[in-house]
Protein backbone atom coordinates (compact mmCIF):
# COMPACT_ATOMS: atom_id res chain seq x y z
CA UNK A 1 23.55 -9.06 43.53
CA UNK A 2 21.02 -6.22 42.67
CA UNK A 3 23.78 -4.46 40.09
CA UNK A 4 26.25 -1.51 41.01
CA UNK A 5 24.85 1.67 40.25
CA UNK A 6 22.14 0.09 38.21
CA UNK A 7 20.67 3.28 37.46
CA UNK A 8 16.93 3.34 37.13
CA UNK A 9 14.56 0.62 38.24
CA UNK A 10 14.60 -1.69 34.81
CA UNK A 11 13.01 0.83 32.74
CA UNK A 12 16.52 2.15 32.04
CA UNK A 13 17.62 -0.31 30.16
CA UNK A 14 17.63 0.31 26.90
CA UNK A 15 15.76 -2.60 26.19
CA UNK A 16 13.53 -3.24 29.06
CA UNK A 17 10.48 -3.68 27.76
CA UNK A 18 7.87 -0.96 27.80
CA UNK A 19 4.39 -1.18 27.18
CA UNK A 20 1.36 1.51 26.28
CA UNK A 21 -1.32 -1.19 25.68
CA UNK A 22 -4.62 -1.00 27.95
CA UNK A 23 -5.08 -5.23 28.11
CA UNK A 24 -2.55 -7.07 30.14
CA UNK A 25 -1.10 -8.88 27.53
CA UNK A 26 2.47 -11.51 28.59
CA UNK A 27 5.61 -9.67 26.96
CA UNK A 28 7.98 -11.97 24.53
CA UNK A 29 11.20 -12.03 24.86
CA UNK A 30 13.75 -10.73 22.41
CA UNK A 31 14.47 -13.42 20.41
CA UNK A 32 18.17 -12.46 19.04
CA UNK A 33 19.02 -13.62 22.52
CA UNK A 34 19.69 -17.74 22.02
CA UNK A 35 19.18 -19.84 25.16
CA UNK A 36 19.48 -23.31 26.63
CA UNK A 37 19.46 -25.62 29.77
CA UNK A 38 21.72 -28.73 30.35
CA UNK A 39 20.47 -31.95 31.76
CA UNK A 40 22.34 -31.30 34.77
CA UNK A 41 20.17 -27.62 34.92
CA UNK A 42 23.22 -25.45 33.64
CA UNK A 43 21.97 -22.67 32.05
CA UNK A 44 23.52 -20.38 29.11
CA UNK A 45 22.21 -17.47 26.88
CA UNK A 46 24.23 -15.79 23.90
CA UNK A 47 23.66 -12.48 21.93
CA UNK A 48 25.16 -12.60 18.98
CA UNK A 49 26.34 -8.97 17.79
CA UNK A 50 27.78 -9.53 14.19
CA UNK A 51 26.47 -6.06 13.28
CA UNK A 52 29.23 -4.71 15.50
CA UNK A 53 32.33 -6.50 14.51
CA UNK A 54 35.01 -4.52 16.89
CA UNK A 55 33.03 -4.83 20.36
CA UNK A 56 34.66 -6.82 22.88
CA UNK A 57 33.34 -10.16 23.69
CA UNK A 58 31.93 -9.90 27.15
CA UNK A 59 31.16 -13.32 29.08
CA UNK A 60 29.81 -13.43 32.54
CA UNK A 61 29.08 -16.49 34.91
CA UNK A 62 26.17 -16.12 37.31
CA UNK A 63 26.12 -18.47 40.47
CA UNK A 64 23.30 -18.25 42.35
CA UNK A 65 25.07 -17.96 46.01
CA UNK A 66 26.98 -15.82 48.21
CA UNK A 67 27.22 -14.80 51.77
CA UNK A 68 23.76 -15.44 52.52
CA UNK A 69 24.20 -19.48 52.45
CA UNK A 70 27.09 -19.17 54.69
CA UNK A 71 26.95 -20.02 58.69
CA UNK A 72 29.22 -17.89 61.42
CA UNK A 73 31.76 -20.88 61.21
CA UNK A 74 31.86 -20.47 56.85
CA UNK A 75 32.00 -16.69 56.97
CA UNK A 76 34.26 -15.59 54.09
CA UNK A 77 33.51 -18.81 52.13
CA UNK A 78 31.78 -16.92 49.22
CA UNK A 79 34.80 -14.29 49.02
CA UNK A 80 37.84 -16.76 49.04
CA UNK A 81 36.30 -19.09 46.16
CA UNK A 82 36.79 -16.78 43.08
CA UNK A 83 40.34 -16.38 44.55
CA UNK A 84 40.82 -19.97 44.84
CA UNK A 85 39.61 -19.81 41.31
CA UNK A 86 42.09 -16.65 40.01
CA UNK A 87 44.69 -18.43 41.65
CA UNK A 88 44.44 -21.59 39.73
CA UNK A 89 44.60 -19.77 36.11
CA UNK A 90 47.32 -21.55 33.52
CA UNK A 91 49.11 -19.08 32.09
CA UNK A 92 47.43 -19.13 28.52
CA UNK A 93 44.52 -18.55 31.14
CA UNK A 94 46.00 -15.41 32.52
CA UNK A 95 47.02 -14.74 29.02
CA UNK A 96 43.37 -14.02 28.43
CA UNK A 97 42.64 -12.32 31.51
CA UNK A 98 44.56 -9.99 31.71
CA UNK A 99 43.84 -9.17 27.91
CA UNK A 100 40.12 -8.98 29.36
CA UNK A 101 41.34 -6.81 32.10
CA UNK A 102 43.35 -4.11 30.18
CA UNK A 103 41.31 -0.72 30.48
CA UNK A 104 38.25 -2.71 31.14
CA UNK A 105 36.31 -1.44 34.18
CA UNK A 106 34.89 -4.71 35.78
CA UNK A 107 36.76 -6.54 38.76
CA UNK A 108 37.25 -10.10 37.54
CA UNK A 109 34.35 -11.18 40.44
CA UNK A 110 32.17 -9.75 42.43
CA UNK A 111 30.56 -11.69 45.18
CA UNK A 112 27.36 -10.11 46.99
CA UNK A 113 24.68 -11.74 49.63
CA UNK A 114 22.79 -13.88 46.67
CA UNK A 115 24.80 -14.08 44.17
CA UNK A 116 28.77 -14.41 42.55
CA UNK A 117 29.50 -13.09 39.33
CA UNK A 118 32.53 -13.72 37.14
CA UNK A 119 33.25 -11.08 34.72
CA UNK A 120 35.46 -11.66 31.34
CA UNK A 121 36.01 -8.81 28.40
CA UNK A 122 38.15 -10.46 25.41
CA UNK A 123 39.33 -8.56 22.65
CA UNK A 124 36.99 -8.49 19.47
CA UNK A 125 39.20 -11.71 17.33
CA UNK A 126 38.43 -13.98 20.23
CA UNK A 127 35.30 -15.20 18.70
CA UNK A 128 37.19 -16.79 15.75
CA UNK A 129 40.30 -18.05 17.64
CA UNK A 130 40.99 -20.16 20.98
CA UNK A 131 40.44 -17.40 23.36
CA UNK A 132 36.91 -17.61 23.92
CA UNK A 133 37.60 -21.75 24.50
CA UNK A 134 39.96 -20.77 26.85
CA UNK A 135 37.71 -18.57 29.41
CA UNK A 136 35.04 -20.80 28.69
CA UNK A 137 37.16 -23.94 30.06
CA UNK A 138 38.44 -21.81 33.21
CA UNK A 139 35.33 -21.00 34.16
CA UNK A 140 33.95 -24.70 33.68
CA UNK A 141 36.78 -25.42 36.12
CA UNK A 142 36.01 -22.80 38.18
CA UNK A 143 31.96 -24.22 38.53
CA UNK A 144 33.06 -27.11 39.72
CA UNK A 145 36.36 -28.41 39.37
CA UNK A 146 38.65 -26.34 41.85
CA UNK A 147 41.37 -27.82 43.42
CA UNK A 148 40.81 -27.17 47.48
CA UNK A 149 43.80 -28.11 49.53
CA UNK A 150 45.15 -26.47 52.17
CA UNK A 151 48.26 -25.94 49.69
CA UNK A 152 45.44 -24.21 47.06
CA UNK A 153 44.24 -21.73 50.02
CA UNK A 154 47.50 -20.42 51.20
CA UNK A 155 48.67 -19.50 47.69
CA UNK A 156 45.37 -17.58 47.21
CA UNK A 157 45.42 -15.77 50.26
CA UNK A 158 49.61 -14.81 49.76
CA UNK A 159 48.09 -13.35 46.18
CA UNK A 160 46.17 -9.43 46.60
CA UNK A 161 42.62 -9.61 47.22
CA UNK A 162 41.10 -8.73 43.39
CA UNK A 163 37.69 -9.60 44.49
CA UNK A 164 34.69 -6.91 44.94
CA UNK A 165 31.70 -6.93 46.00
CA UNK A 166 27.94 -5.29 45.52
CA UNK A 167 27.23 -2.97 47.68
CA UNK A 168 31.16 -1.93 46.97
CA UNK A 169 31.50 -0.86 50.30
CA UNK A 170 29.18 -2.60 52.60
CA UNK A 171 30.52 -1.18 55.98
CA UNK A 172 29.53 2.00 54.60
CA UNK A 173 27.22 4.01 57.27
CA UNK A 174 24.42 4.37 55.17
CA UNK A 175 23.82 0.53 53.96
CA UNK A 176 24.48 -0.64 57.28
CA UNK A 177 20.97 1.76 58.43
CA UNK A 178 19.79 0.46 55.50
CA UNK A 179 20.64 -3.18 56.25
CA UNK A 180 18.44 -2.69 59.94
CA UNK A 181 15.85 -5.16 60.59
CA UNK A 182 17.29 -7.96 57.76
CA UNK A 183 18.98 -10.87 57.77
CA UNK A 184 21.58 -9.86 55.17
CA UNK A 185 23.04 -7.75 58.33
CA UNK A 186 25.37 -10.74 59.66
CA UNK A 187 26.52 -11.90 56.14
CA UNK A 188 28.61 -10.09 54.99
CA UNK A 189 30.20 -10.57 51.64
CA UNK A 190 33.38 -8.62 52.23
CA UNK A 191 34.04 -10.77 55.38
CA UNK A 192 37.83 -12.25 54.89
CA UNK A 193 37.87 -15.85 56.14
CA UNK A 194 39.17 -16.64 59.42
CA UNK A 195 42.22 -18.75 59.64
CA UNK A 196 43.34 -21.55 59.50
CA UNK A 197 40.77 -22.58 56.80
CA UNK A 198 39.46 -26.32 56.94
CA UNK A 199 40.07 -27.13 53.47
CA UNK A 200 37.62 -30.47 53.76
CA UNK A 201 34.73 -27.94 55.58
CA UNK A 202 35.22 -25.41 52.53
CA UNK A 203 34.97 -28.04 49.75
CA UNK A 204 32.31 -29.05 51.08
CA UNK A 205 30.80 -25.73 50.92
CA UNK A 206 31.63 -25.78 47.12
CA UNK A 207 30.29 -28.39 46.13
CA UNK A 208 26.81 -27.82 48.10
CA UNK A 209 26.58 -24.36 46.46
CA UNK A 210 28.23 -23.91 43.57
CA UNK A 211 26.13 -26.43 41.27
CA UNK A 212 25.75 -26.50 37.87
CA UNK A 213 21.55 -25.79 38.22
CA UNK A 214 22.27 -22.63 39.90
CA UNK A 215 24.48 -20.99 37.26
CA UNK A 216 24.00 -18.87 34.22
CA UNK A 217 26.25 -18.28 31.35
CA UNK A 218 25.91 -14.95 29.55
CA UNK A 219 27.58 -14.25 26.39
CA UNK A 220 27.66 -11.68 24.26
CA UNK A 221 29.34 -10.65 20.91
CA UNK A 222 30.80 -11.39 17.68
CA UNK A 223 30.57 -14.76 17.76
CA UNK A 224 28.71 -17.70 16.38
CA UNK A 225 26.11 -18.96 18.72
CA UNK A 226 26.43 -22.23 17.12
CA UNK A 227 29.72 -22.90 17.87
CA UNK A 228 29.29 -21.62 21.29
CA UNK A 229 26.50 -23.87 22.68
CA UNK A 230 28.80 -26.60 21.40
CA UNK A 231 31.43 -25.65 23.60
CA UNK A 232 29.09 -24.99 26.41
CA UNK A 233 27.70 -28.70 26.01
CA UNK A 234 30.83 -30.03 25.87
CA UNK A 235 32.74 -27.78 28.93
CA UNK A 236 29.62 -27.58 31.40
CA UNK A 237 27.88 -30.66 30.05
CA UNK A 238 29.82 -32.90 32.64
CA UNK A 239 29.20 -30.87 35.90
CA UNK A 240 27.96 -32.70 38.61
CA UNK A 241 25.34 -31.58 41.47
CA UNK A 242 22.09 -30.26 42.47
CA UNK A 243 20.97 -28.05 44.84
CA UNK A 244 19.63 -29.63 47.53
CA UNK A 245 18.66 -26.81 50.00
CA UNK A 246 17.27 -23.26 48.52
CA UNK A 247 19.27 -20.52 48.51
CA UNK A 248 18.18 -17.70 51.03
CA UNK A 249 16.10 -14.48 49.24
CA UNK A 250 17.95 -11.81 50.38
CA UNK A 251 15.44 -9.20 51.49
CA UNK A 252 15.05 -5.37 52.73
CA UNK A 253 12.82 -4.35 55.90
CA UNK A 254 10.74 -1.33 54.20
CA UNK A 255 12.50 1.82 54.77
CA UNK A 256 11.80 3.53 57.90
CA UNK A 257 10.24 7.18 57.72
CA UNK A 258 12.56 8.56 60.18
CA UNK A 259 14.77 11.53 59.82
CA UNK A 260 18.56 10.07 60.48
CA UNK A 261 21.88 11.83 60.32
CA UNK A 262 24.67 9.62 59.11
CA UNK A 263 28.94 10.71 59.35
CA UNK A 264 30.28 9.37 55.96
CA UNK A 265 34.07 9.72 55.25
CA UNK A 266 33.47 9.67 51.85
CA UNK A 267 31.97 12.83 51.28
CA UNK A 268 33.07 16.19 51.77
CA UNK A 269 29.55 18.43 51.94
CA UNK A 270 26.36 17.44 53.40
CA UNK A 271 24.25 15.80 51.25
CA UNK A 272 20.57 15.76 52.29
CA UNK A 273 18.24 12.86 50.28
CA UNK A 274 14.45 12.74 50.85
CA UNK A 275 13.69 8.64 49.72
CA UNK A 276 10.78 6.61 49.50
CA UNK A 277 10.39 2.62 48.85
CA UNK A 278 8.09 0.64 47.60
CA UNK A 279 7.91 -3.70 47.19
CA UNK A 280 8.87 -4.82 43.78
CA UNK A 281 7.24 -6.98 41.30
CA UNK A 282 8.57 -8.50 38.34
CA UNK A 283 7.69 -6.61 35.20
CA UNK A 284 6.23 -9.31 32.65
CA UNK A 285 2.47 -8.55 31.17
CA UNK A 286 1.82 -4.99 29.45
CA UNK A 287 -0.19 -4.02 32.27
CA UNK A 288 2.43 -3.93 34.92
CA UNK A 289 5.21 -2.29 32.23
CA UNK A 290 2.53 0.36 31.27
CA UNK A 291 1.97 1.53 34.98
CA UNK A 292 5.89 1.14 35.75
CA UNK A 293 6.69 3.49 32.63
CA UNK A 294 4.13 5.99 33.33
CA UNK A 295 5.69 5.98 37.15
CA UNK A 296 8.99 6.33 35.68
CA UNK A 297 8.20 9.12 33.32
CA UNK A 298 6.68 11.33 36.30
CA UNK A 299 9.75 10.91 38.31
CA UNK A 300 11.97 12.02 35.48
CA UNK A 301 9.74 14.87 35.03
CA UNK A 302 9.84 15.54 38.77
CA UNK A 303 13.34 15.86 38.48
CA UNK A 304 13.52 18.17 35.79
CA UNK A 305 10.99 20.37 37.11
CA UNK A 306 12.94 21.21 40.56
CA UNK A 307 16.52 21.47 38.05
CA UNK A 308 14.94 24.08 36.27
CA UNK A 309 13.12 25.79 38.80
CA UNK A 310 16.70 25.82 40.71
CA UNK A 311 18.51 27.65 37.74
CA UNK A 312 15.89 29.71 37.18
CA UNK A 313 15.69 31.49 40.76
CA UNK A 314 19.99 31.50 40.16
CA UNK A 315 20.12 28.78 43.09
CA UNK A 316 24.40 28.26 42.05
CA UNK A 317 24.43 25.90 46.16
CA UNK A 318 22.50 23.10 45.23
CA UNK A 319 23.92 20.24 43.36
CA UNK A 320 20.79 17.57 42.47
CA UNK A 321 20.72 14.42 41.79
CA UNK A 322 18.17 11.11 41.49
CA UNK A 323 17.88 7.73 41.34
CA UNK A 324 16.28 4.85 41.10
CA UNK A 325 16.99 1.19 41.72
CA UNK A 326 16.37 -2.40 42.72
CA UNK A 327 17.65 -3.56 46.22
CA UNK A 328 16.61 -6.91 46.79
CA UNK A 329 12.75 -6.97 46.37
CA UNK A 330 12.46 -3.35 47.42
CA UNK A 331 12.10 -0.52 44.36
CA UNK A 332 13.67 2.42 46.00
CA UNK A 333 14.40 6.23 45.19
CA UNK A 334 15.87 9.23 46.03
CA UNK A 335 16.01 13.00 45.20
CA UNK A 336 19.60 13.72 46.58
CA UNK A 337 21.13 17.56 47.52
CA UNK A 338 24.28 18.89 47.62
CA UNK A 339 24.87 21.98 49.81
CA UNK A 340 27.08 23.63 52.63
CA UNK A 341 25.81 23.08 55.79
CA UNK A 342 24.93 26.65 56.70
CA UNK A 343 22.11 26.22 53.41
CA UNK A 344 20.72 23.17 54.45
CA UNK A 345 17.41 23.65 55.90
CA UNK A 346 16.49 26.99 53.59
CA UNK A 347 17.37 24.58 50.80
CA UNK A 348 15.70 22.23 51.92
CA UNK A 349 12.39 24.42 52.25
CA UNK A 350 12.57 25.60 48.74
CA UNK A 351 12.98 22.15 47.36
CA UNK A 352 10.03 20.78 49.99
CA UNK A 353 7.73 23.48 48.78
CA UNK A 354 7.94 23.20 45.10
CA UNK A 355 7.53 19.73 45.64
CA UNK A 356 4.40 20.25 47.03
CA UNK A 357 2.67 22.85 44.47
CA UNK A 358 3.57 19.87 41.55
CA UNK A 359 1.65 17.40 44.32
CA UNK A 360 -1.44 20.23 44.39
CA UNK A 361 -0.98 21.63 41.24
CA UNK A 362 0.25 19.06 38.45
CA UNK A 363 3.09 19.76 36.00
CA UNK A 364 3.04 23.03 34.04
CA UNK A 365 1.33 22.11 30.73
CA UNK A 366 4.41 23.51 28.77
CA UNK A 367 6.81 21.03 30.53
CA UNK A 368 4.80 18.13 29.64
CA UNK A 369 4.83 19.10 26.05
CA UNK A 370 8.73 19.35 26.54
CA UNK A 371 9.01 16.11 27.79
CA UNK A 372 6.76 14.51 25.32
CA UNK A 373 8.62 15.84 22.69
CA UNK A 374 12.31 14.71 23.50
CA UNK A 375 11.24 10.99 24.39
CA UNK A 376 9.86 11.35 20.75
CA UNK A 377 13.20 12.65 19.94
CA UNK A 378 14.73 9.51 22.09
CA UNK A 379 12.50 7.31 20.39
CA UNK A 380 13.30 8.13 16.48
CA UNK A 381 16.88 7.96 17.58
CA UNK A 382 16.42 4.24 19.29
CA UNK A 383 18.27 2.45 16.62
CA UNK A 384 21.23 4.41 16.11
CA UNK A 385 21.53 4.65 19.90
CA UNK A 386 21.05 0.48 19.57
CA UNK A 387 23.86 0.24 17.15
CA UNK A 388 26.19 2.59 19.34
CA UNK A 389 25.95 0.56 22.36
CA UNK A 390 28.72 -1.67 23.18
CA UNK A 391 28.71 -5.26 23.80
CA UNK A 392 29.49 -4.45 27.83
CA UNK A 393 26.28 -2.48 28.39
CA UNK A 394 24.18 -4.95 26.54
CA UNK A 395 25.66 -7.69 28.50
CA UNK A 396 24.92 -5.49 31.81
CA UNK A 397 21.25 -4.90 31.07
CA UNK A 398 20.50 -8.65 30.83
CA UNK A 399 21.97 -9.24 34.07
CA UNK A 400 19.78 -6.64 35.42
CA UNK A 401 16.69 -7.76 33.73
CA UNK A 402 17.17 -11.53 34.93
CA UNK A 403 17.62 -10.21 38.52
CA UNK A 404 14.99 -8.03 38.64
CA UNK A 405 12.42 -10.47 36.15
CA UNK A 406 11.96 -7.70 33.17
CA UNK A 407 11.27 -9.16 30.19
CA UNK A 408 13.47 -7.66 27.25
CA UNK A 409 12.10 -7.04 24.20
CA UNK A 410 13.73 -6.73 20.59
CA UNK A 411 14.37 -3.41 19.45
CA UNK A 412 11.94 -3.21 17.14
CA UNK A 413 8.67 -4.15 19.54
CA UNK A 414 10.30 -1.75 22.02
CA UNK A 415 9.88 0.88 19.23
CA UNK A 416 6.39 0.10 18.32
CA UNK A 417 5.03 -0.22 22.02
CA UNK A 418 7.14 2.43 23.50
CA UNK A 419 5.14 4.62 20.45
CA UNK A 420 1.67 3.69 21.28
CA UNK A 421 2.26 4.50 24.92
CA UNK A 422 4.04 8.35 24.25
CA UNK A 423 0.67 8.31 22.17
CA UNK A 424 -1.72 7.61 24.57
CA UNK A 425 -0.34 9.50 27.60
CA UNK A 426 -1.51 12.51 29.11
CA UNK A 427 -1.36 14.79 31.65
CA UNK A 428 -3.34 13.96 33.69
CA UNK A 429 -1.89 10.32 33.76
CA UNK A 430 1.67 12.02 34.69
CA UNK A 431 0.21 14.55 37.12
CA UNK A 432 -1.63 11.45 39.08
CA UNK A 433 1.09 9.54 39.45
CA UNK A 434 2.91 12.97 40.61
CA UNK A 435 0.65 12.87 43.12
CA UNK A 436 0.74 9.42 44.40
CA UNK A 437 4.87 10.03 44.45
CA UNK A 438 3.95 12.78 46.22
CA UNK A 439 1.85 12.07 48.65
CA UNK A 440 3.68 9.00 50.60
CA UNK A 441 6.34 9.90 53.86
CA UNK A 442 9.63 10.01 52.89
CA UNK A 443 12.33 9.31 55.03
CA UNK A 444 15.08 12.24 55.24
CA UNK A 445 18.93 10.66 54.91
CA UNK A 446 21.63 13.01 55.83
CA UNK A 447 25.06 11.93 55.32
CA UNK A 448 27.39 14.75 56.51
CA UNK A 449 31.18 14.68 56.60
CA UNK A 450 33.27 13.38 59.19
CA UNK A 451 34.27 15.71 62.32
CA UNK A 452 31.14 18.13 61.55
CA UNK A 453 28.83 18.78 64.17
CA UNK A 454 25.62 16.43 63.99
CA UNK A 455 22.98 18.82 62.16
CA UNK A 456 19.87 18.66 64.09
CA UNK A 457 17.31 16.43 62.50
CA UNK A 458 13.88 17.45 64.36
CA UNK A 459 14.36 20.87 62.52
CA UNK A 460 15.00 19.46 59.11
CA UNK A 461 12.08 17.38 59.67
CA UNK A 462 10.04 20.44 60.78
CA UNK A 463 10.87 22.16 57.73
CA UNK A 464 10.41 19.09 55.40
CA UNK A 465 7.03 18.68 56.55
CA UNK A 466 5.90 22.45 56.67
CA UNK A 467 7.26 22.92 53.03
CA UNK A 468 4.80 19.94 52.09
CA UNK A 469 1.54 21.66 53.54
CA UNK A 470 -0.92 21.29 51.29
CA UNK A 471 0.05 24.46 48.96
CA UNK A 472 -3.07 26.90 50.05
CA UNK A 473 -5.82 27.40 47.65
CA UNK A 474 -3.97 25.12 45.11
CA UNK A 475 -6.67 23.39 44.05
CA UNK A 476 -9.76 23.00 46.59
CA UNK A 477 -9.96 19.29 46.13
CA UNK A 478 -10.91 16.70 48.70
CA UNK A 479 -8.40 14.51 50.32
CA UNK A 480 -7.60 11.48 47.49
CA UNK A 481 -8.93 13.51 44.40
CA UNK A 482 -6.84 13.89 41.65
CA UNK A 483 -5.36 17.75 40.93
CA UNK A 484 -6.85 18.02 37.31
CA UNK A 485 -10.22 15.76 38.13
CA UNK A 486 -9.29 12.69 36.77
CA UNK A 487 -11.36 9.60 37.62
CA UNK A 488 -8.63 6.52 36.85
CA UNK A 489 -9.84 2.62 37.72
CA UNK A 490 -5.76 1.82 37.14
CA UNK A 491 -4.81 0.42 40.60
CA UNK A 492 -1.60 2.27 42.16
CA UNK A 493 1.72 1.29 41.55
CA UNK A 494 3.70 -1.64 42.73
């Protein structure tokens, strides 16, 4: 699973490691996170937060398996097993679970193509009582001691399905389009199991894929790390099994640079996206982080530039959006405009011309200075921001860092590296990344409300191509030259 609405790729998390140092030094993770690995391969990570005693205790169990490990005959097994686990809670465990779910947005379990994630949110007092122990006991039973019989299966199927999937709607038209050419297409994590269910076959699948060496436990909150470590050893150390077959790696094909229209029942107004993607690489060194952070800052500058121009020109019929995320080894970004159908072509042309001006002429100096002032102000407030960051956000950040293979830094180290990065950043560096972003081909993806006549995508493509044509007389540079004459030996991002 690659995160539900994970936001910006890796760098959008508070503690995602950033560096402005020129040398490719390996980054050191935040020592506040206590980590361990049991003899059976089970891994655990704990972040004790005594400085925020009122926050809830967040518990996550990750199992490295999902719908991608199912054969056609096993379709729905990965979705059924969490339902089985929920149906086998004892009364104390149900009480704990209900406390965790009250006013809590996380579903009890999420199933994706390559991951199953169990979520518990406990009251802040759980670290000093039995609630955390009960929660860990239930997770240990789920991890290796589920009762799988025809009777337990029937009981689970009679209970309302409360298991979420990632993505939330696996049948969404855009998502199905994005899966073209991928092995994920035939492995839907929302698929319901065919009945009758063969209990022995389900049990064999469970024992094959729910192995301790493919599990990670994360606990964040006002807990005693030593006590949690002892409980983990006692409860999870006896789990048996070893992964004999490697988990298939989910991948997406590169996004086709086509103009496509997709009907969607979820939207009331046309939404047009200019999208691009690149291969995602783990971020472990200062060189990679510096390159990534520059690119991310350029994307943010681009978004605010376009938004300000829309406001200056009093354009009221466009709602602008921007996001970047990691989708199964692909870093995917998009500029999104929600606009009435009748104004779609005109507004696309306006934004395309604006983007071309930035690509060919660079970001205005005043905007660069404003952006730098904003980022330095944010850095000054780092520790105050961190102090207000609740444990749920910290747990989710850790999950994203693990899944995207990004090093988490301690706040003190983050501040130091971030300050160096901002001090060394120049307009030429940002403009070079802007040119790289805007010089690549983008896909035009139009999502339309169901029942609306299909828009002429060839017309939109022509409008986009015309708007993105080189700005006449903007730079006078040869193809590939930097608009401000910078010469750099920094390789292209990713």
